[in-house]
Amino acid sequence: MTPNEKTIATFESRMRQMILRFQELRKENNDLYAMLEKNERDIKELQARLDQRQHDYDSLKMAKMIEITDGDLEGAKERLSKLIRDVNKCIAILSDEEQ
């Protein structure tokens, strides 16, 4: 085998190895992109579910606060008045902080 033939054989061998490695890396890259897309879809779905649950919780909490039974009208008025006072205090505190 002449030196040129040996060099060409070595070059061909290394090219085959490089092509195989490239194919492995391309497959791994595709797998990682697929995994990333799946994770992003899962995150969006979970975020939507979290938002819905938060909305449901807020609605239930508000319904419980406003729930009025026959004998609890005064209690409901007191709770609403307390909530209004709390909101007014928060607004006053925030106004003081801005100044």
PDB file of N, CA and C in Angstrom:
ATOM      1  N   MET A   1       0.859  -1.169   0.000  1.00  0.00           N
ATOM      2  CA  MET A   1       0.000   0.000   0.000  1.00  0.00           C
ATOM      3  C   MET A   1       0.905   1.232   0.000  1.00  0.00           C
ATOM      4  N   THR A   2       0.639   2.091  -0.914  1.00  0.00           N
ATOM      5  CA  THR A   2       1.453   3.290  -1.029  1.00  0.00           C
ATOM      6  C   THR A   2       1.027   4.301   0.033  1.00  0.00           C
ATOM      7  N   PRO A   3       1.890   5.262   0.321  1.00  0.00           N
ATOM      8  CA  PRO A   3       1.538   6.274   1.329  1.00  0.00           C
ATOM      9  C   PRO A   3       0.256   7.026   0.969  1.00  0.00           C
ATOM     10  N   ASN A   4       0.037   7.287  -0.298  1.00  0.00           N
ATOM     11  CA  ASN A   4      -1.193   7.979  -0.700  1.00  0.00           C
ATOM     12  C   ASN A   4      -2.419   7.116  -0.439  1.00  0.00           C
ATOM     13  N   GLU A   5      -2.335   5.838  -0.759  1.00  0.00           N
ATOM     14  CA  GLU A   5      -3.458   4.926  -0.519  1.00  0.00           C
ATOM     15  C   GLU A   5      -3.747   4.802   0.972  1.00  0.00           C
ATOM     16  N   LYS A   6      -2.674   4.751   1.766  1.00  0.00           N
ATOM     17  CA  LYS A   6      -2.846   4.664   3.212  1.00  0.00           C
ATOM     18  C   LYS A   6      -3.525   5.927   3.749  1.00  0.00           C
ATOM     19  N   THR A   7      -3.097   7.078   3.234  1.00  0.00           N
ATOM     20  CA  THR A   7      -3.684   8.355   3.647  1.00  0.00           C
ATOM     21  C   THR A   7      -5.156   8.413   3.253  1.00  0.00           C
ATOM     22  N   ILE A   8      -5.474   7.958   2.039  1.00  0.00           N
ATOM     23  CA  ILE A   8      -6.865   7.964   1.573  1.00  0.00           C
ATOM     24  C   ILE A   8      -7.703   7.009   2.419  1.00  0.00           C
ATOM     25  N   ALA A   9      -7.180   5.832   2.742  1.00  0.00           N
ATOM     26  CA  ALA A   9      -7.909   4.860   3.558  1.00  0.00           C
ATOM     27  C   ALA A   9      -8.178   5.427   4.949  1.00  0.00           C
ATOM     28  N   THR A  10      -7.181   6.084   5.532  1.00  0.00           N
ATOM     29  CA  THR A  10      -7.350   6.711   6.848  1.00  0.00           C
ATOM     30  C   THR A  10      -8.390   7.818   6.768  1.00  0.00           C
ATOM     31  N   PHE A  11      -8.315   8.608   5.703  1.00  0.00           N
ATOM     32  CA  PHE A  11      -9.269   9.703   5.506  1.00  0.00           C
ATOM     33  C   PHE A  11     -10.690   9.151   5.384  1.00  0.00           C
ATOM     34  N   GLU A  12     -10.871   8.084   4.564  1.00  0.00           N
ATOM     35  CA  GLU A  12     -12.196   7.476   4.401  1.00  0.00           C
ATOM     36  C   GLU A  12     -12.723   6.939   5.730  1.00  0.00           C
ATOM     37  N   SER A  13     -11.851   6.305   6.488  1.00  0.00           N
ATOM     38  CA  SER A  13     -12.253   5.756   7.785  1.00  0.00           C
ATOM     39  C   SER A  13     -12.714   6.862   8.730  1.00  0.00           C
ATOM     40  N   ARG A  14     -11.954   7.936   8.774  1.00  0.00           N
ATOM     41  CA  ARG A  14     -12.309   9.047   9.656  1.00  0.00           C
ATOM     42  C   ARG A  14     -13.586   9.752   9.186  1.00  0.00           C
ATOM     43  N   MET A  15     -13.763   9.831   7.873  1.00  0.00           N
ATOM     44  CA  MET A  15     -14.985  10.435   7.349  1.00  0.00           C
ATOM     45  C   MET A  15     -16.207   9.604   7.739  1.00  0.00           C
ATOM     46  N   ARG A  16     -16.097   8.265   7.615  1.00  0.00           N
ATOM     47  CA  ARG A  16     -17.209   7.389   8.024  1.00  0.00           C
ATOM     48  C   ARG A  16     -17.526   7.574   9.506  1.00  0.00           C
ATOM     49  N   GLN A  17     -16.468   7.638  10.334  1.00  0.00           N
ATOM     50  CA  GLN A  17     -16.677   7.846  11.768  1.00  0.00           C
ATOM     51  C   GLN A  17     -17.356   9.193  12.021  1.00  0.00           C
ATOM     52  N   MET A  18     -16.909  10.205  11.303  1.00  0.00           N
ATOM     53  CA  MET A  18     -17.483  11.535  11.494  1.00  0.00           C
ATOM     54  C   MET A  18     -18.947  11.555  11.037  1.00  0.00           C
ATOM     55  N   ILE A  19     -19.259  10.888   9.938  1.00  0.00           N
ATOM     56  CA  ILE A  19     -20.640  10.831   9.451  1.00  0.00           C
ATOM     57  C   ILE A  19     -21.520  10.098  10.454  1.00  0.00           C
ATOM     58  N   LEU A  20     -21.024   8.978  10.984  1.00  0.00           N
ATOM     59  CA  LEU A  20     -21.792   8.235  11.995  1.00  0.00           C
ATOM     60  C   LEU A  20     -22.027   9.086  13.241  1.00  0.00           C
ATOM     61  N   ARG A  21     -21.005   9.776  13.674  1.00  0.00           N
ATOM     62  CA  ARG A  21     -21.135  10.639  14.859  1.00  0.00           C
ATOM     63  C   ARG A  21     -22.120  11.774  14.595  1.00  0.00           C
ATOM     64  N   PHE A  22     -22.042  12.333  13.373  1.00  0.00           N
ATOM     65  CA  PHE A  22     -22.981  13.393  13.000  1.00  0.00           C
ATOM     66  C   PHE A  22     -24.420  12.879  13.042  1.00  0.00           C
ATOM     67  N   GLN A  23     -24.651  11.687  12.517  1.00  0.00           N
ATOM     68  CA  GLN A  23     -26.003  11.113  12.521  1.00  0.00           C
ATOM     69  C   GLN A  23     -26.494  10.867  13.945  1.00  0.00           C
ATOM     70  N   GLU A  24     -25.609  10.397  14.809  1.00  0.00           N
ATOM     71  CA  GLU A  24     -25.981  10.193  16.213  1.00  0.00           C
ATOM     72  C   GLU A  24     -26.358  11.521  16.873  1.00  0.00           C
ATOM     73  N   LEU A  25     -25.537  12.541  16.628  1.00  0.00           N
ATOM     74  CA  LEU A  25     -25.797  13.847  17.219  1.00  0.00           C
ATOM     75  C   LEU A  25     -27.083  14.470  16.667  1.00  0.00           C
ATOM     76  N   ARG A  26     -27.328  14.284  15.392  1.00  0.00           N
ATOM     77  CA  ARG A  26     -28.556  14.819  14.802  1.00  0.00           C
ATOM     78  C   ARG A  26     -29.780  14.132  15.408  1.00  0.00           C
ATOM     79  N   LYS A  27     -29.715  12.823  15.605  1.00  0.00           N
ATOM     80  CA  LYS A  27     -30.826  12.095  16.225  1.00  0.00           C
ATOM     81  C   LYS A  27     -31.025  12.563  17.673  1.00  0.00           C
ATOM     82  N   GLU A  28     -29.920  12.710  18.401  1.00  0.00           N
ATOM     83  CA  GLU A  28     -30.005  13.187  19.779  1.00  0.00           C
ATOM     84  C   GLU A  28     -30.599  14.596  19.822  1.00  0.00           C
ATOM     85  N   ASN A  29     -30.188  15.442  18.904  1.00  0.00           N
ATOM     86  CA  ASN A  29     -30.702  16.804  18.838  1.00  0.00           C
ATOM     87  C   ASN A  29     -32.211  16.798  18.564  1.00  0.00           C
ATOM     88  N   ASN A  30     -32.642  15.971  17.613  1.00  0.00           N
ATOM     89  CA  ASN A  30     -34.075  15.859  17.315  1.00  0.00           C
ATOM     90  C   ASN A  30     -34.857  15.352  18.522  1.00  0.00           C
ATOM     91  N   ASP A  31     -34.296  14.372  19.207  1.00  0.00           N
ATOM     92  CA  ASP A  31     -34.955  13.846  20.414  1.00  0.00           C
ATOM     93  C   ASP A  31     -35.074  14.928  21.480  1.00  0.00           C
ATOM     94  N   LEU A  32     -34.013  15.723  21.644  1.00  0.00           N
ATOM     95  CA  LEU A  32     -34.042  16.786  22.643  1.00  0.00           C
ATOM     96  C   LEU A  32     -35.057  17.871  22.284  1.00  0.00           C
ATOM     97  N   TYR A  33     -35.139  18.211  20.995  1.00  0.00           N
ATOM     98  CA  TYR A  33     -36.144  19.197  20.573  1.00  0.00           C
ATOM     99  C   TYR A  33     -37.558  18.669  20.814  1.00  0.00           C
ATOM    100  N   ALA A  34     -37.773  17.394  20.524  1.00  0.00           N
ATOM    101  CA  ALA A  34     -39.094  16.800  20.766  1.00  0.00           C
ATOM    102  C   ALA A  34     -39.426  16.831  22.261  1.00  0.00           C
ATOM    103  N   MET A  35     -38.434  16.525  23.081  1.00  0.00           N
ATOM    104  CA  MET A  35     -38.642  16.542  24.532  1.00  0.00           C
ATOM    105  C   MET A  35     -38.941  17.971  25.004  1.00  0.00           C
ATOM    106  N   LEU A  36     -38.221  18.920  24.460  1.00  0.00           N
ATOM    107  CA  LEU A  36     -38.436  20.323  24.822  1.00  0.00           C
ATOM    108  C   LEU A  36     -39.843  20.776  24.446  1.00  0.00           C
ATOM    109  N   GLU A  37     -40.290  20.437  23.246  1.00  0.00           N
ATOM    110  CA  GLU A  37     -41.645  20.804  22.816  1.00  0.00           C
ATOM    111  C   GLU A  37     -42.699  20.160  23.715  1.00  0.00           C
ATOM    112  N   LYS A  38     -42.487  18.896  24.067  1.00  0.00           N
ATOM    113  CA  LYS A  38     -43.438  18.203  24.952  1.00  0.00           C
ATOM    114  C   LYS A  38     -43.479  18.891  26.313  1.00  0.00           C
ATOM    115  N   ASN A  39     -42.313  19.241  26.841  1.00  0.00           N
ATOM    116  CA  ASN A  39     -42.264  19.915  28.139  1.00  0.00           C
ATOM    117  C   ASN A  39     -42.940  21.274  28.087  1.00  0.00           C
ATOM    118  N   GLU A  40     -42.752  21.998  26.987  1.00  0.00           N
ATOM    119  CA  GLU A  40     -43.407  23.297  26.845  1.00  0.00           C
ATOM    120  C   GLU A  40     -44.921  23.143  26.778  1.00  0.00           C
ATOM    121  N   ARG A  41     -45.398  22.121  26.056  1.00  0.00           N
ATOM    122  CA  ARG A  41     -46.847  21.859  26.013  1.00  0.00           C
ATOM    123  C   ARG A  41     -47.372  21.506  27.402  1.00  0.00           C
ATOM    124  N   ASP A  42     -46.618  20.669  28.116  1.00  0.00           N
ATOM    125  CA  ASP A  42     -47.030  20.287  29.470  1.00  0.00           C
ATOM    126  C   ASP A  42     -47.084  21.503  30.389  1.00  0.00           C
ATOM    127  N   ILE A  43     -46.108  22.378  30.271  1.00  0.00           N
ATOM    128  CA  ILE A  43     -46.073  23.580  31.110  1.00  0.00           C
ATOM    129  C   ILE A  43     -47.278  24.461  30.805  1.00  0.00           C
ATOM    130  N   LYS A  44     -47.590  24.652  29.513  1.00  0.00           N
ATOM    131  CA  LYS A  44     -48.754  25.470  29.149  1.00  0.00           C
ATOM    132  C   LYS A  44     -50.041  24.856  29.686  1.00  0.00           C
ATOM    133  N   GLU A  45     -50.153  23.542  29.568  1.00  0.00           N
ATOM    134  CA  GLU A  45     -51.357  22.859  30.071  1.00  0.00           C
ATOM    135  C   GLU A  45     -51.469  23.002  31.582  1.00  0.00           C
ATOM    136  N   LEU A  46     -50.370  22.796  32.282  1.00  0.00           N
ATOM    137  CA  LEU A  46     -50.383  22.919  33.739  1.00  0.00           C
ATOM    138  C   LEU A  46     -50.653  24.355  34.172  1.00  0.00           C
ATOM    139  N   GLN A  47     -50.112  25.325  33.439  1.00  0.00           N
ATOM    140  CA  GLN A  47     -50.366  26.729  33.764  1.00  0.00           C
ATOM    141  C   GLN A  47     -51.839  27.059  33.571  1.00  0.00           C
ATOM    142  N   ALA A  48     -52.427  26.548  32.499  1.00  0.00           N
ATOM    143  CA  ALA A  48     -53.856  26.775  32.253  1.00  0.00           C
ATOM    144  C   ALA A  48     -54.691  26.145  33.364  1.00  0.00           C
ATOM    145  N   ARG A  49     -54.319  24.935  33.772  1.00  0.00           N
ATOM    146  CA  ARG A  49     -55.053  24.273  34.860  1.00  0.00           C
ATOM    147  C   ARG A  49     -54.886  25.046  36.165  1.00  0.00           C
ATOM    148  N   LEU A  50     -53.688  25.535  36.416  1.00  0.00           N
ATOM    149  CA  LEU A  50     -53.442  26.319  37.631  1.00  0.00           C
ATOM    150  C   LEU A  50     -54.278  27.594  37.616  1.00  0.00           C
ATOM    151  N   ASP A  51     -54.290  28.278  36.475  1.00  0.00           N
ATOM    152  CA  ASP A  51     -55.087  29.504  36.362  1.00  0.00           C
ATOM    153  C   ASP A  51     -56.567  29.214  36.607  1.00  0.00           C
ATOM    154  N   GLN A  52     -57.067  28.117  36.019  1.00  0.00           N
ATOM    155  CA  GLN A  52     -58.472  27.756  36.212  1.00  0.00           C
ATOM    156  C   GLN A  52     -58.758  27.434  37.676  1.00  0.00           C
ATOM    157  N   ARG A  53     -57.856  26.689  38.298  1.00  0.00           N
ATOM    158  CA  ARG A  53     -58.050  26.350  39.713  1.00  0.00           C
ATOM    159  C   ARG A  53     -58.002  27.592  40.588  1.00  0.00           C
ATOM    160  N   GLN A  54     -57.103  28.524  40.266  1.00  0.00           N
ATOM    161  CA  GLN A  54     -57.013  29.768  41.025  1.00  0.00           C
ATOM    162  C   GLN A  54     -58.298  30.569  40.869  1.00  0.00           C
ATOM    163  N   HIS A  55     -58.821  30.618  39.653  1.00  0.00           N
ATOM    164  CA  HIS A  55     -60.076  31.322  39.407  1.00  0.00           C
ATOM    165  C   HIS A  55     -61.217  30.660  40.178  1.00  0.00           C
ATOM    166  N   ASP A  56     -61.274  29.319  40.122  1.00  0.00           N
ATOM    167  CA  ASP A  56     -62.310  28.592  40.864  1.00  0.00           C
ATOM    168  C   ASP A  56     -62.195  28.854  42.360  1.00  0.00           C
ATOM    169  N   TYR A  57     -60.975  28.837  42.862  1.00  0.00           N
ATOM    170  CA  TYR A  57     -60.748  29.082  44.289  1.00  0.00           C
ATOM    171  C   TYR A  57     -61.191  30.489  44.680  1.00  0.00           C
ATOM    172  N   ASP A  58     -60.814  31.470  43.851  1.00  0.00           N
ATOM    173  CA  ASP A  58     -61.212  32.855  44.139  1.00  0.00           C
ATOM    174  C   ASP A  58     -62.730  33.000  44.124  1.00  0.00           C
ATOM    175  N   SER A  59     -63.369  32.348  43.160  1.00  0.00           N
ATOM    176  CA  SER A  59     -64.829  32.413  43.087  1.00  0.00           C
ATOM    177  C   SER A  59     -65.465  31.767  44.315  1.00  0.00           C
ATOM    178  N   LEU A  60     -64.947  30.630  44.705  1.00  0.00           N
ATOM    179  CA  LEU A  60     -65.485  29.944  45.885  1.00  0.00           C
ATOM    180  C   LEU A  60     -65.262  30.770  47.140  1.00  0.00           C
ATOM    181  N   LYS A  61     -64.085  31.363  47.243  1.00  0.00           N
ATOM    182  CA  LYS A  61     -63.785  32.188  48.409  1.00  0.00           C
ATOM    183  C   LYS A  61     -64.727  33.384  48.469  1.00  0.00           C
ATOM    184  N   MET A  62     -64.957  34.012  47.332  1.00  0.00           N
ATOM    185  CA  MET A  62     -65.866  35.156  47.294  1.00  0.00           C
ATOM    186  C   MET A  62     -67.289  34.703  47.616  1.00  0.00           C
ATOM    187  N   ALA A  63     -67.700  33.570  47.094  1.00  0.00           N
ATOM    188  CA  ALA A  63     -69.051  33.064  47.373  1.00  0.00           C
ATOM    189  C   ALA A  63     -69.214  32.777  48.856  1.00  0.00           C
ATOM    190  N   LYS A  64     -68.179  32.227  49.466  1.00  0.00           N
ATOM    191  CA  LYS A  64     -68.254  31.938  50.906  1.00  0.00           C
ATOM    192  C   LYS A  64     -68.344  33.228  51.709  1.00  0.00           C
ATOM    193  N   MET A  65     -67.622  34.258  51.283  1.00  0.00           N
ATOM    194  CA  MET A  65     -67.651  35.522  52.011  1.00  0.00           C
ATOM    195  C   MET A  65     -69.011  36.195  51.878  1.00  0.00           C
ATOM    196  N   ILE A  66     -69.645  36.035  50.724  1.00  0.00           N
ATOM    197  CA  ILE A  66     -70.909  36.723  50.478  1.00  0.00           C
ATOM    198  C   ILE A  66     -72.109  35.848  50.847  1.00  0.00           C
ATOM    199  N   GLU A  67     -71.844  34.600  51.118  1.00  0.00           N
ATOM    200  CA  GLU A  67     -72.936  33.677  51.421  1.00  0.00           C
ATOM    201  C   GLU A  67     -73.799  34.225  52.551  1.00  0.00           C
ATOM    202  N   ILE A  68     -75.064  34.313  52.251  1.00  0.00           N
ATOM    203  CA  ILE A  68     -75.991  34.868  53.234  1.00  0.00           C
ATOM    204  C   ILE A  68     -77.091  33.846  53.490  1.00  0.00           C
ATOM    205  N   THR A  69     -77.200  33.479  54.708  1.00  0.00           N
ATOM    206  CA  THR A  69     -78.311  32.616  55.087  1.00  0.00           C
ATOM    207  C   THR A  69     -79.383  33.486  55.723  1.00  0.00           C
ATOM    208  N   ASP A  70     -80.517  32.897  56.024  1.00  0.00           N
ATOM    209  CA  ASP A  70     -81.641  33.668  56.566  1.00  0.00           C
ATOM    210  C   ASP A  70     -81.260  34.433  57.820  1.00  0.00           C
ATOM    211  N   GLY A  71     -80.599  33.814  58.748  1.00  0.00           N
ATOM    212  CA  GLY A  71     -80.287  34.461  60.009  1.00  0.00           C
ATOM    213  C   GLY A  71     -78.935  35.133  60.039  1.00  0.00           C
ATOM    214  N   ASP A  72     -78.209  35.160  58.922  1.00  0.00           N
ATOM    215  CA  ASP A  72     -76.842  35.653  58.945  1.00  0.00           C
ATOM    216  C   ASP A  72     -76.667  36.944  58.140  1.00  0.00           C
ATOM    217  N   LEU A  73     -77.727  37.681  57.925  1.00  0.00           N
ATOM    218  CA  LEU A  73     -77.635  38.916  57.155  1.00  0.00           C
ATOM    219  C   LEU A  73     -76.740  39.934  57.839  1.00  0.00           C
ATOM    220  N   GLU A  74     -76.883  40.082  59.140  1.00  0.00           N
ATOM    221  CA  GLU A  74     -76.038  41.031  59.885  1.00  0.00           C
ATOM    222  C   GLU A  74     -74.575  40.600  59.849  1.00  0.00           C
ATOM    223  N   GLY A  75     -74.342  39.312  60.020  1.00  0.00           N
ATOM    224  CA  GLY A  75     -72.968  38.803  59.971  1.00  0.00           C
ATOM    225  C   GLY A  75     -72.330  39.052  58.612  1.00  0.00           C
ATOM    226  N   ALA A  76     -73.117  38.868  57.554  1.00  0.00           N
ATOM    227  CA  ALA A  76     -72.609  39.106  56.205  1.00  0.00           C
ATOM    228  C   ALA A  76     -72.294  40.583  56.011  1.00  0.00           C
ATOM    229  N   LYS A  77     -73.159  41.448  56.500  1.00  0.00           N
ATOM    230  CA  LYS A  77     -72.908  42.888  56.391  1.00  0.00           C
ATOM    231  C   LYS A  77     -71.639  43.270  57.140  1.00  0.00           C
ATOM    232  N   GLU A  78     -71.448  42.691  58.315  1.00  0.00           N
ATOM    233  CA  GLU A  78     -70.246  42.979  59.099  1.00  0.00           C
ATOM    234  C   GLU A  78     -68.987  42.502  58.374  1.00  0.00           C
ATOM    235  N   ARG A  79     -69.053  41.313  57.787  1.00  0.00           N
ATOM    236  CA  ARG A  79     -67.895  40.786  57.053  1.00  0.00           C
ATOM    237  C   ARG A  79     -67.569  41.674  55.857  1.00  0.00           C
ATOM    238  N   LEU A  80     -68.607  42.104  55.122  1.00  0.00           N
ATOM    239  CA  LEU A  80     -68.369  42.987  53.988  1.00  0.00           C
ATOM    240  C   LEU A  80     -67.810  44.326  54.445  1.00  0.00           C
ATOM    241  N   SER A  81     -68.325  44.845  55.542  1.00  0.00           N
ATOM    242  CA  SER A  81     -67.811  46.111  56.067  1.00  0.00           C
ATOM    243  C   SER A  81     -66.352  45.968  56.468  1.00  0.00           C
ATOM    244  N   LYS A  82     -66.018  44.842  57.100  1.00  0.00           N
ATOM    245  CA  LYS A  82     -64.630  44.601  57.499  1.00  0.00           C
ATOM    246  C   LYS A  82     -63.732  44.508  56.267  1.00  0.00           C
ATOM    247  N   LEU A  83     -64.203  43.819  55.231  1.00  0.00           N
ATOM    248  CA  LEU A  83     -63.409  43.721  53.998  1.00  0.00           C
ATOM    249  C   LEU A  83     -63.195  45.100  53.385  1.00  0.00           C
ATOM    250  N   ILE A  84     -64.230  45.920  53.386  1.00  0.00           N
ATOM    251  CA  ILE A  84     -64.106  47.272  52.836  1.00  0.00           C
ATOM    252  C   ILE A  84     -63.112  48.086  53.654  1.00  0.00           C
ATOM    253  N   ARG A  85     -63.180  47.968  54.984  1.00  0.00           N
ATOM    254  CA  ARG A  85     -62.226  48.688  55.839  1.00  0.00           C
ATOM    255  C   ARG A  85     -60.799  48.216  55.567  1.00  0.00           C
ATOM    256  N   ASP A  86     -60.623  46.904  55.425  1.00  0.00           N
ATOM    257  CA  ASP A  86     -59.289  46.365  55.140  1.00  0.00           C
ATOM    258  C   ASP A  86     -58.749  46.902  53.811  1.00  0.00           C
ATOM    259  N   VAL A  87     -59.606  46.944  52.799  1.00  0.00           N
ATOM    260  CA  VAL A  87     -59.182  47.462  51.499  1.00  0.00           C
ATOM    261  C   VAL A  87     -58.827  48.941  51.620  1.00  0.00           C
ATOM    262  N   ASN A  88     -59.629  49.695  52.337  1.00  0.00           N
ATOM    263  CA  ASN A  88     -59.344  51.120  52.528  1.00  0.00           C
ATOM    264  C   ASN A  88     -58.027  51.328  53.273  1.00  0.00           C
ATOM    265  N   LYS A  89     -57.745  50.483  54.271  1.00  0.00           N
ATOM    266  CA  LYS A  89     -56.471  50.581  54.987  1.00  0.00           C
ATOM    267  C   LYS A  89     -55.303  50.311  54.042  1.00  0.00           C
ATOM    268  N   CYS A  90     -55.469  49.289  53.210  1.00  0.00           N
ATOM    269  CA  CYS A  90     -54.401  48.957  52.255  1.00  0.00           C
ATOM    270  C   CYS A  90     -54.160  50.110  51.285  1.00  0.00           C
ATOM    271  N   ILE A  91     -55.240  50.713  50.815  1.00  0.00           N
ATOM    272  CA  ILE A  91     -55.106  51.845  49.908  1.00  0.00           C
ATOM    273  C   ILE A  91     -54.406  52.999  50.606  1.00  0.00           C
ATOM    274  N   ALA A  92     -54.774  53.251  51.863  1.00  0.00           N
ATOM    275  CA  ALA A  92     -54.144  54.338  52.613  1.00  0.00           C
ATOM    276  C   ALA A  92     -52.651  54.068  52.808  1.00  0.00           C
ATOM    277  N   ILE A  93     -52.299  52.840  53.132  1.00  0.00           N
ATOM    278  CA  ILE A  93     -50.890  52.488  53.333  1.00  0.00           C
ATOM    279  C   ILE A  93     -50.113  52.669  52.033  1.00  0.00           C
ATOM    280  N   LEU A  94     -50.701  52.202  50.926  1.00  0.00           N
ATOM    281  CA  LEU A  94     -50.024  52.346  49.652  1.00  0.00           C
ATOM    282  C   LEU A  94     -49.893  53.811  49.242  1.00  0.00           C
ATOM    283  N   SER A  95     -50.904  54.596  49.544  1.00  0.00           N
ATOM    284  CA  SER A  95     -50.834  56.040  49.248  1.00  0.00           C
ATOM    285  C   SER A  95     -49.734  56.692  50.049  1.00  0.00           C
ATOM    286  N   ASP A  96     -49.594  56.326  51.326  1.00  0.00           N
ATOM    287  CA  ASP A  96     -48.532  56.889  52.176  1.00  0.00           C
ATOM    288  C   ASP A  96     -47.154  56.507  51.655  1.00  0.00           C
ATOM    289  N   GLU A  97     -46.999  55.292  51.168  1.00  0.00           N
ATOM    290  CA  GLU A  97     -45.708  54.816  50.670  1.00  0.00           C
ATOM    291  C   GLU A  97     -45.292  55.551  49.406  1.00  0.00           C
ATOM    292  N   GLU A  98     -46.261  55.921  48.568  1.00  0.00           N
ATOM    293  CA  GLU A  98     -45.948  56.607  47.317  1.00  0.00           C
ATOM    294  C   GLU A  98     -45.490  58.026  47.555  1.00  0.00           C
ATOM    295  N   GLN A  99     -45.855  58.621  48.686  1.00  0.00           N
ATOM    296  CA  GLN A  99     -45.503  60.022  48.958  1.00  0.00           C
ATOM    297  C   GLN A  99     -44.173  60.119  49.576  1.00  0.00           C
TER     298      GLN A  99
END
